PDB file of N, CA and C in Angstrom:
ATOM      1  N   MET A   1     112.825 412.503   9.790  1.00  0.00           N
ATOM      2  CA  MET A   1     110.924 412.710   9.189  1.00  0.00           C
ATOM      3  C   MET A   1     111.380 411.878   8.386  1.00  0.00           C
ATOM      4  N   ASP A   2     110.705 410.398   8.218  1.00  0.00           N
ATOM      5  CA  ASP A   2     110.906 409.141   7.553  1.00  0.00           C
ATOM      6  C   ASP A   2     110.442 409.518   6.205  1.00  0.00           C
ATOM      7  N   LEU A   3     110.415 408.738   5.330  1.00  0.00           N
ATOM      8  CA  LEU A   3     110.440 408.984   4.113  1.00  0.00           C
ATOM      9  C   LEU A   3     109.212 409.145   3.283  1.00  0.00           C
ATOM     10  N   SER A   4     108.185 407.745   4.272  1.00  0.00           N
ATOM     11  CA  SER A   4     106.123 408.112   4.118  1.00  0.00           C
ATOM     12  C   SER A   4     105.988 409.557   4.903  1.00  0.00           C
ATOM     13  N   ALA A   5     106.417 409.885   5.269  1.00  0.00           N
ATOM     14  CA  ALA A   5     106.311 411.277   6.147  1.00  0.00           C
ATOM     15  C   ALA A   5     106.441 412.481   4.928  1.00  0.00           C
ATOM     16  N   LEU A   6     107.712 412.123   4.471  1.00  0.00           N
ATOM     17  CA  LEU A   6     107.776 413.090   3.357  1.00  0.00           C
ATOM     18  C   LEU A   6     107.126 413.096   2.297  1.00  0.00           C
ATOM     19  N   VAL A   7     106.908 412.289   1.891  1.00  0.00           N
ATOM     20  CA  VAL A   7     106.890 412.061   0.559  1.00  0.00           C
ATOM     21  C   VAL A   7     104.935 412.506   0.763  1.00  0.00           C
ATOM     22  N   VAL A   8     104.063 412.359   1.879  1.00  0.00           N
ATOM     23  CA  VAL A   8     102.465 412.574   1.878  1.00  0.00           C
ATOM     24  C   VAL A   8     102.379 414.258   1.723  1.00  0.00           C
ATOM     25  N   ALA A   9     103.384 414.815   3.064  1.00  0.00           N
ATOM     26  CA  ALA A   9     103.721 416.256   3.208  1.00  0.00           C
ATOM     27  C   ALA A   9     104.449 416.514   1.941  1.00  0.00           C
ATOM     28  N   GLN A  10     104.675 416.413   0.860  1.00  0.00           N
ATOM     29  CA  GLN A  10     105.058 416.800  -0.495  1.00  0.00           C
ATOM     30  C   GLN A  10     104.309 416.814  -1.330  1.00  0.00           C
ATOM     31  N   PHE A  11     102.892 415.197  -1.375  1.00  0.00           N
ATOM     32  CA  PHE A  11     101.935 415.339  -1.895  1.00  0.00           C
ATOM     33  C   PHE A  11     100.907 416.327  -1.730  1.00  0.00           C
ATOM     34  N   THR A  12     101.022 416.865  -0.483  1.00  0.00           N
ATOM     35  CA  THR A  12     100.076 417.953   0.025  1.00  0.00           C
ATOM     36  C   THR A  12     100.093 419.169   0.480  1.00  0.00           C
ATOM     37  N   ASP A  13     102.006 419.929  -0.189  1.00  0.00           N
ATOM     38  CA  ASP A  13     101.866 420.938  -0.232  1.00  0.00           C
ATOM     39  C   ASP A  13     101.715 421.801  -1.105  1.00  0.00           C
ATOM     40  N   ILE A  14     100.529 422.837  -0.632  1.00  0.00           N
ATOM     41  CA  ILE A  14      99.642 423.721  -1.735  1.00  0.00           C
ATOM     42  C   ILE A  14     100.976 424.459  -2.816  1.00  0.00           C
ATOM     43  N   PHE A  15     101.729 424.697  -2.000  1.00  0.00           N
ATOM     44  CA  PHE A  15     102.754 425.798  -3.070  1.00  0.00           C
ATOM     45  C   PHE A  15     103.086 424.651  -3.888  1.00  0.00           C
ATOM     46  N   ARG A  16     103.340 423.384  -3.858  1.00  0.00           N
ATOM     47  CA  ARG A  16     104.553 422.864  -4.905  1.00  0.00           C
ATOM     48  C   ARG A  16     102.761 422.129  -5.874  1.00  0.00           C
ATOM     49  N   LEU A  17     101.683 422.169  -5.592  1.00  0.00           N
ATOM     50  CA  LEU A  17     100.789 421.889  -6.790  1.00  0.00           C
ATOM     51  C   LEU A  17     100.026 423.233  -7.059  1.00  0.00           C
ATOM     52  N   GLY A  18     100.261 423.870  -6.745  1.00  0.00           N
ATOM     53  CA  GLY A  18     100.674 425.679  -7.476  1.00  0.00           C
ATOM     54  C   GLY A  18     101.027 425.873  -8.326  1.00  0.00           C
ATOM     55  N   LEU A  19     102.475 425.963  -8.128  1.00  0.00           N
ATOM     56  CA  LEU A  19     103.711 425.655  -8.827  1.00  0.00           C
ATOM     57  C   LEU A  19     103.278 424.554 -10.358  1.00  0.00           C
ATOM     58  N   LEU A  20     103.166 423.481  -9.528  1.00  0.00           N
ATOM     59  CA  LEU A  20     102.873 422.794 -10.912  1.00  0.00           C
ATOM     60  C   LEU A  20     101.672 422.732 -12.044  1.00  0.00           C
ATOM     61  N   ALA A  21     101.107 422.880 -11.464  1.00  0.00           N
ATOM     62  CA  ALA A  21      99.811 423.615 -12.322  1.00  0.00           C
ATOM     63  C   ALA A  21      99.983 424.589 -13.341  1.00  0.00           C
ATOM     64  N   GLY A  22     100.501 425.241 -12.508  1.00  0.00           N
ATOM     65  CA  GLY A  22     101.384 426.714 -13.299  1.00  0.00           C
ATOM     66  C   GLY A  22     102.186 426.107 -14.338  1.00  0.00           C
ATOM     67  N   LEU A  23     102.615 424.858 -14.399  1.00  0.00           N
ATOM     68  CA  LEU A  23     103.524 424.557 -15.046  1.00  0.00           C
ATOM     69  C   LEU A  23     102.564 423.750 -15.955  1.00  0.00           C
ATOM     70  N   ILE A  24     101.567 422.959 -15.946  1.00  0.00           N
ATOM     71  CA  ILE A  24     100.489 422.043 -16.848  1.00  0.00           C
ATOM     72  C   ILE A  24     100.128 423.846 -18.009  1.00  0.00           C
ATOM     73  N   TYR A  25      99.423 424.503 -17.375  1.00  0.00           N
ATOM     74  CA  TYR A  25      98.792 425.553 -18.058  1.00  0.00           C
ATOM     75  C   TYR A  25     100.085 426.196 -18.579  1.00  0.00           C
ATOM     76  N   THR A  26     101.274 426.306 -18.381  1.00  0.00           N
ATOM     77  CA  THR A  26     102.022 427.308 -18.884  1.00  0.00           C
ATOM     78  C   THR A  26     102.600 426.175 -20.287  1.00  0.00           C
ATOM     79  N   THR A  27     102.824 424.810 -20.556  1.00  0.00           N
ATOM     80  CA  THR A  27     103.281 423.984 -21.171  1.00  0.00           C
ATOM     81  C   THR A  27     102.208 423.951 -22.473  1.00  0.00           C
ATOM     82  N   ALA A  28     101.105 423.282 -22.254  1.00  0.00           N
ATOM     83  CA  ALA A  28      99.755 423.361 -22.896  1.00  0.00           C
ATOM     84  C   ALA A  28      99.833 424.820 -23.492  1.00  0.00           C
ATOM     85  N   ARG A  29      99.585 426.024 -23.067  1.00  0.00           N
ATOM     86  CA  ARG A  29      99.627 426.947 -24.056  1.00  0.00           C
ATOM     87  C   ARG A  29     100.691 427.686 -24.660  1.00  0.00           C
ATOM     88  N   THR A  30     102.222 426.912 -24.716  1.00  0.00           N
ATOM     89  CA  THR A  30     102.941 427.114 -25.176  1.00  0.00           C
ATOM     90  C   THR A  30     103.845 425.517 -26.133  1.00  0.00           C
ATOM     91  N   ARG A  31     103.101 424.870 -26.352  1.00  0.00           N
ATOM     92  CA  ARG A  31     103.421 423.366 -26.981  1.00  0.00           C
ATOM     93  C   ARG A  31     103.428 423.615 -28.136  1.00  0.00           C
ATOM     94  N   GLN A  32     103.334 424.650 -28.913  1.00  0.00           N
ATOM     95  CA  GLN A  32     103.682 424.660 -30.611  1.00  0.00           C
ATOM     96  C   GLN A  32     104.919 425.462 -30.428  1.00  0.00           C
ATOM     97  N   GLN A  33     105.349 426.035 -29.342  1.00  0.00           N
ATOM     98  CA  GLN A  33     107.041 426.542 -29.788  1.00  0.00           C
ATOM     99  C   GLN A  33     107.726 425.383 -28.729  1.00  0.00           C
ATOM    100  N   THR A  34     107.534 425.311 -27.943  1.00  0.00           N
ATOM    101  CA  THR A  34     108.668 424.610 -27.017  1.00  0.00           C
ATOM    102  C   THR A  34     108.482 423.031 -27.021  1.00  0.00           C
ATOM    103  N   GLY A  35     107.353 422.454 -27.315  1.00  0.00           N
ATOM    104  CA  GLY A  35     106.986 421.038 -27.108  1.00  0.00           C
ATOM    105  C   GLY A  35     106.637 421.105 -26.002  1.00  0.00           C
ATOM    106  N   VAL A  36     106.340 419.777 -25.732  1.00  0.00           N
ATOM    107  CA  VAL A  36     105.719 418.959 -24.745  1.00  0.00           C
ATOM    108  C   VAL A  36     106.712 418.303 -23.063  1.00  0.00           C
ATOM    109  N   LEU A  37     107.156 417.322 -23.733  1.00  0.00           N
ATOM    110  CA  LEU A  37     107.992 416.900 -23.246  1.00  0.00           C
ATOM    111  C   LEU A  37     109.899 417.618 -21.911  1.00  0.00           C
ATOM    112  N   LEU A  38     110.088 418.207 -22.668  1.00  0.00           N
ATOM    113  CA  LEU A  38     111.125 418.983 -22.273  1.00  0.00           C
ATOM    114  C   LEU A  38     110.854 419.979 -21.526  1.00  0.00           C
ATOM    115  N   PRO A  39     109.992 420.806 -22.020  1.00  0.00           N
ATOM    116  CA  PRO A  39     109.724 421.781 -20.635  1.00  0.00           C
ATOM    117  C   PRO A  39     108.901 421.183 -19.200  1.00  0.00           C
ATOM    118  N   LEU A  40     107.865 419.572 -19.720  1.00  0.00           N
ATOM    119  CA  LEU A  40     107.854 419.466 -18.299  1.00  0.00           C
ATOM    120  C   LEU A  40     108.683 418.196 -17.224  1.00  0.00           C
ATOM    121  N   LEU A  41     109.683 418.090 -18.062  1.00  0.00           N
ATOM    122  CA  LEU A  41     111.236 417.788 -17.037  1.00  0.00           C
ATOM    123  C   LEU A  41     111.711 418.534 -16.396  1.00  0.00           C
ATOM    124  N   ALA A  42     112.414 419.294 -17.199  1.00  0.00           N
ATOM    125  CA  ALA A  42     112.168 420.856 -16.528  1.00  0.00           C
ATOM    126  C   ALA A  42     111.748 421.016 -15.160  1.00  0.00           C
ATOM    127  N   GLY A  43     110.677 421.791 -15.115  1.00  0.00           N
ATOM    128  CA  GLY A  43     109.791 421.955 -14.646  1.00  0.00           C
ATOM    129  C   GLY A  43     109.631 421.127 -13.302  1.00  0.00           C
ATOM    130  N   ILE A  44     109.849 419.658 -13.638  1.00  0.00           N
ATOM    131  CA  ILE A  44     109.566 418.628 -12.470  1.00  0.00           C
ATOM    132  C   ILE A  44     110.805 419.070 -11.485  1.00  0.00           C
ATOM    133  N   VAL A  45     112.019 419.106 -12.170  1.00  0.00           N
ATOM    134  CA  VAL A  45     113.155 418.528 -11.759  1.00  0.00           C
ATOM    135  C   VAL A  45     113.622 420.532 -10.644  1.00  0.00           C
ATOM    136  N   PHE A  46     113.176 421.523 -11.464  1.00  0.00           N
ATOM    137  CA  PHE A  46     112.729 422.655 -10.762  1.00  0.00           C
ATOM    138  C   PHE A  46     112.011 422.596  -9.200  1.00  0.00           C
ATOM    139  N   VAL A  47     111.313 422.466  -9.667  1.00  0.00           N
ATOM    140  CA  VAL A  47     109.975 422.460  -8.146  1.00  0.00           C
ATOM    141  C   VAL A  47     111.217 421.237  -7.332  1.00  0.00           C
ATOM    142  N   ALA A  48     111.147 420.362  -7.623  1.00  0.00           N
ATOM    143  CA  ALA A  48     111.618 419.164  -6.699  1.00  0.00           C
ATOM    144  C   ALA A  48     112.891 419.760  -5.808  1.00  0.00           C
ATOM    145  N   VAL A  49     114.102 420.826  -6.446  1.00  0.00           N
ATOM    146  CA  VAL A  49     114.888 421.212  -6.341  1.00  0.00           C
ATOM    147  C   VAL A  49     114.557 422.733  -5.481  1.00  0.00           C
ATOM    148  N   ILE A  50     113.499 423.473  -6.095  1.00  0.00           N
ATOM    149  CA  ILE A  50     114.087 424.564  -5.443  1.00  0.00           C
ATOM    150  C   ILE A  50     113.097 424.968  -4.088  1.00  0.00           C
ATOM    151  N   ILE A  51     112.173 424.217  -3.819  1.00  0.00           N
ATOM    152  CA  ILE A  51     111.533 423.845  -2.719  1.00  0.00           C
ATOM    153  C   ILE A  51     112.294 423.598  -1.384  1.00  0.00           C
ATOM    154  N   PRO A  52     113.315 422.510  -1.635  1.00  0.00           N
ATOM    155  CA  PRO A  52     113.618 422.127  -0.465  1.00  0.00           C
ATOM    156  C   PRO A  52     114.969 423.001  -0.209  1.00  0.00           C
ATOM    157  N   ALA A  53     115.147 423.645  -1.264  1.00  0.00           N
ATOM    158  CA  ALA A  53     116.416 424.748  -1.355  1.00  0.00           C
ATOM    159  C   ALA A  53     116.043 425.909  -0.626  1.00  0.00           C
ATOM    160  N   THR A  54     115.003 425.862  -0.695  1.00  0.00           N
ATOM    161  CA  THR A  54     114.331 427.458  -0.018  1.00  0.00           C
ATOM    162  C   THR A  54     113.605 427.456   1.555  1.00  0.00           C
ATOM    163  N   MET A  55     112.682 425.990   1.112  1.00  0.00           N
ATOM    164  CA  MET A  55     112.690 425.864   2.614  1.00  0.00           C
ATOM    165  C   MET A  55     112.761 424.805   3.435  1.00  0.00           C
ATOM    166  N   PRO A  56     113.658 424.232   3.636  1.00  0.00           N
ATOM    167  CA  PRO A  56     114.167 422.723   4.201  1.00  0.00           C
ATOM    168  C   PRO A  56     113.031 422.572   5.421  1.00  0.00           C
ATOM    169  N   MET A  57     113.129 420.984   5.404  1.00  0.00           N
ATOM    170  CA  MET A  57     112.765 420.405   6.769  1.00  0.00           C
ATOM    171  C   MET A  57     113.608 419.792   7.178  1.00  0.00           C
ATOM    172  N   PRO A  58     113.568 419.966   8.878  1.00  0.00           N
ATOM    173  CA  PRO A  58     114.702 419.802   9.951  1.00  0.00           C
ATOM    174  C   PRO A  58     114.666 418.469   9.663  1.00  0.00           C
ATOM    175  N   GLY A  59     115.947 418.215  10.091  1.00  0.00           N
ATOM    176  CA  GLY A  59     116.074 416.522   9.734  1.00  0.00           C
ATOM    177  C   GLY A  59     116.006 415.850   8.231  1.00  0.00           C
ATOM    178  N   THR A  60     115.611 416.318   7.414  1.00  0.00           N
ATOM    179  CA  THR A  60     115.875 415.692   6.499  1.00  0.00           C
ATOM    180  C   THR A  60     117.029 416.200   5.156  1.00  0.00           C
ATOM    181  N   PRO A  61     117.682 415.186   5.142  1.00  0.00           N
ATOM    182  CA  PRO A  61     118.859 415.701   3.985  1.00  0.00           C
ATOM    183  C   PRO A  61     118.155 416.274   2.646  1.00  0.00           C
ATOM    184  N   GLN A  62     118.909 417.069   1.656  1.00  0.00           N
ATOM    185  CA  GLN A  62     118.319 417.832   0.027  1.00  0.00           C
ATOM    186  C   GLN A  62     118.458 417.206  -0.387  1.00  0.00           C
ATOM    187  N   LEU A  63     119.541 416.045  -0.172  1.00  0.00           N
ATOM    188  CA  LEU A  63     119.222 414.825  -1.389  1.00  0.00           C
ATOM    189  C   LEU A  63     117.950 414.046  -1.378  1.00  0.00           C
ATOM    190  N   THR A  64     117.874 413.788  -0.132  1.00  0.00           N
ATOM    191  CA  THR A  64     116.455 413.235  -0.444  1.00  0.00           C
ATOM    192  C   THR A  64     115.065 413.738  -0.446  1.00  0.00           C
ATOM    193  N   ALA A  65     114.768 414.751  -0.219  1.00  0.00           N
ATOM    194  CA  ALA A  65     113.811 415.795  -0.432  1.00  0.00           C
ATOM    195  C   ALA A  65     113.769 415.846  -1.761  1.00  0.00           C
ATOM    196  N   THR A  66     115.276 415.899  -2.556  1.00  0.00           N
ATOM    197  CA  THR A  66     114.829 416.628  -4.058  1.00  0.00           C
ATOM    198  C   THR A  66     114.725 415.371  -4.556  1.00  0.00           C
ATOM    199  N   LEU A  67     115.147 414.255  -4.131  1.00  0.00           N
ATOM    200  CA  LEU A  67     115.125 412.641  -4.656  1.00  0.00           C
ATOM    201  C   LEU A  67     113.301 412.487  -4.910  1.00  0.00           C
ATOM    202  N   SER A  68     112.867 412.686  -3.929  1.00  0.00           N
ATOM    203  CA  SER A  68     111.347 412.180  -3.535  1.00  0.00           C
ATOM    204  C   SER A  68     110.400 413.266  -4.152  1.00  0.00           C
ATOM    205  N   GLY A  69     111.160 414.722  -4.006  1.00  0.00           N
ATOM    206  CA  GLY A  69     110.495 415.125  -4.993  1.00  0.00           C
ATOM    207  C   GLY A  69     110.477 415.023  -6.485  1.00  0.00           C
ATOM    208  N   ILE A  70     110.915 414.950  -6.467  1.00  0.00           N
ATOM    209  CA  ILE A  70     111.279 413.780  -8.218  1.00  0.00           C
ATOM    210  C   ILE A  70     110.253 413.420  -8.775  1.00  0.00           C
ATOM    211  N   ALA A  71     109.820 412.412  -8.048  1.00  0.00           N
ATOM    212  CA  ALA A  71     109.100 411.392  -7.878  1.00  0.00           C
ATOM    213  C   ALA A  71     107.723 412.009  -7.605  1.00  0.00           C
ATOM    214  N   VAL A  72     107.443 412.565  -6.791  1.00  0.00           N
ATOM    215  CA  VAL A  72     105.700 413.014  -6.816  1.00  0.00           C
ATOM    216  C   VAL A  72     105.812 414.084  -7.357  1.00  0.00           C
ATOM    217  N   ASN A  73     106.411 414.868  -7.893  1.00  0.00           N
ATOM    218  CA  ASN A  73     106.497 415.876  -8.545  1.00  0.00           C
ATOM    219  C   ASN A  73     105.987 415.076 -10.153  1.00  0.00           C
ATOM    220  N   ALA A  74     106.472 414.184 -10.373  1.00  0.00           N
ATOM    221  CA  ALA A  74     106.196 413.584 -12.130  1.00  0.00           C
ATOM    222  C   ALA A  74     104.893 412.987 -11.589  1.00  0.00           C
ATOM    223  N   VAL A  75     104.441 412.469 -10.427  1.00  0.00           N
ATOM    224  CA  VAL A  75     103.028 411.574 -10.419  1.00  0.00           C
ATOM    225  C   VAL A  75     101.951 412.627 -10.549  1.00  0.00           C
ATOM    226  N   ILE A  76     102.425 413.854  -9.947  1.00  0.00           N
ATOM    227  CA  ILE A  76     101.882 414.912  -9.914  1.00  0.00           C
ATOM    228  C   ILE A  76     101.156 415.643 -11.167  1.00  0.00           C
ATOM    229  N   VAL A  77     102.352 415.438 -12.121  1.00  0.00           N
ATOM    230  CA  VAL A  77     102.332 416.268 -13.063  1.00  0.00           C
ATOM    231  C   VAL A  77     101.537 415.540 -14.517  1.00  0.00           C
ATOM    232  N   GLY A  78     101.996 414.428 -14.007  1.00  0.00           N
ATOM    233  CA  GLY A  78     100.897 413.113 -14.896  1.00  0.00           C
ATOM    234  C   GLY A  78      99.899 413.345 -14.865  1.00  0.00           C
ATOM    235  N   LEU A  79      99.064 413.191 -13.825  1.00  0.00           N
ATOM    236  CA  LEU A  79      97.773 413.539 -13.085  1.00  0.00           C
ATOM    237  C   LEU A  79      97.161 414.898 -13.351  1.00  0.00           C
ATOM    238  N   PHE A  80      97.800 416.016 -13.385  1.00  0.00           N
ATOM    239  CA  PHE A  80      97.255 417.108 -14.126  1.00  0.00           C
ATOM    240  C   PHE A  80      97.526 417.023 -15.500  1.00  0.00           C
ATOM    241  N   TRP A  81      97.876 416.705 -16.244  1.00  0.00           N
ATOM    242  CA  TRP A  81      98.152 416.791 -17.547  1.00  0.00           C
ATOM    243  C   TRP A  81      97.113 415.928 -17.777  1.00  0.00           C
ATOM    244  N   LEU A  82      96.964 414.492 -17.220  1.00  0.00           N
ATOM    245  CA  LEU A  82      95.810 414.100 -18.045  1.00  0.00           C
ATOM    246  C   LEU A  82      94.462 414.490 -17.919  1.00  0.00           C
ATOM    247  N   ALA A  83      94.327 415.382 -16.497  1.00  0.00           N
ATOM    248  CA  ALA A  83      93.373 415.865 -16.385  1.00  0.00           C
ATOM    249  C   ALA A  83      93.098 417.328 -16.837  1.00  0.00           C
ATOM    250  N   TRP A  84      94.411 418.018 -17.912  1.00  0.00           N
ATOM    251  CA  TRP A  84      93.933 418.784 -18.739  1.00  0.00           C
ATOM    252  C   TRP A  84      93.882 418.482 -20.244  1.00  0.00           C
ATOM    253  N   GLN A  85      94.245 417.193 -20.868  1.00  0.00           N
ATOM    254  CA  GLN A  85      93.765 417.034 -22.019  1.00  0.00           C
ATOM    255  C   GLN A  85      92.399 415.985 -21.700  1.00  0.00           C
ATOM    256  N   SER A  86      91.517 416.079 -20.694  1.00  0.00           N
ATOM    257  CA  SER A  86      90.501 415.373 -21.082  1.00  0.00           C
ATOM    258  C   SER A  86      89.858 416.718 -20.807  1.00  0.00           C
ATOM    259  N   ILE A  87      89.734 417.432 -20.284  1.00  0.00           N
ATOM    260  CA  ILE A  87      89.205 418.887 -20.140  1.00  0.00           C
ATOM    261  C   ILE A  87      89.096 419.420 -21.571  1.00  0.00           C
ATOM    262  N   SER A  88      90.742 419.619 -22.155  1.00  0.00           N
ATOM    263  CA  SER A  88      90.429 420.106 -23.212  1.00  0.00           C
ATOM    264  C   SER A  88      89.966 419.192 -24.696  1.00  0.00           C
ATOM    265  N   LYS A  89      89.941 417.895 -24.414  1.00  0.00           N
ATOM    266  CA  LYS A  89      88.759 416.872 -25.218  1.00  0.00           C
ATOM    267  C   LYS A  89      87.515 417.222 -25.363  1.00  0.00           C
ATOM    268  N   ALA A  90      87.331 417.136 -23.966  1.00  0.00           N
ATOM    269  CA  ALA A  90      85.616 417.332 -23.724  1.00  0.00           C
ATOM    270  C   ALA A  90      85.056 418.430 -24.169  1.00  0.00           C
ATOM    271  N   ARG A  91      85.952 419.645 -24.308  1.00  0.00           N
ATOM    272  CA  ARG A  91      85.243 420.945 -25.112  1.00  0.00           C
ATOM    273  C   ARG A  91      85.622 421.051 -26.513  1.00  0.00           C
ATOM    274  N   GLY A  92      86.505 419.707 -26.777  1.00  0.00           N
ATOM    275  CA  GLY A  92      86.229 420.251 -28.347  1.00  0.00           C
ATOM    276  C   GLY A  92      87.810 420.861 -29.142  1.00  0.00           C
ATOM    277  N   ASN A  93      88.361 421.143 -27.848  1.00  0.00           N
ATOM    278  CA  ASN A  93      89.603 422.196 -28.176  1.00  0.00           C
ATOM    279  C   ASN A  93      90.812 420.927 -28.737  1.00  0.00           C
TER     280      ASN A  93
END
């Protein structure tokens, strides 16, 4: 699988999106106790490693899938976090 197809597959992976949405929800709820940056970075790396390790794509090296997963996860988490903050500010929280 070439890199562009891998990235598109990662962006549209519903399991990845669900895990990262849960990461945003949990981080927002526990930010007073744990902060924001470290839990988000740990979650981004964890999801990027665990998905290719448990569901490998044929013909794709583990390292390539993990590194591209980190980049894809960072973009998704950034978009989710911005959406969460926008909704929170609109509600007045």
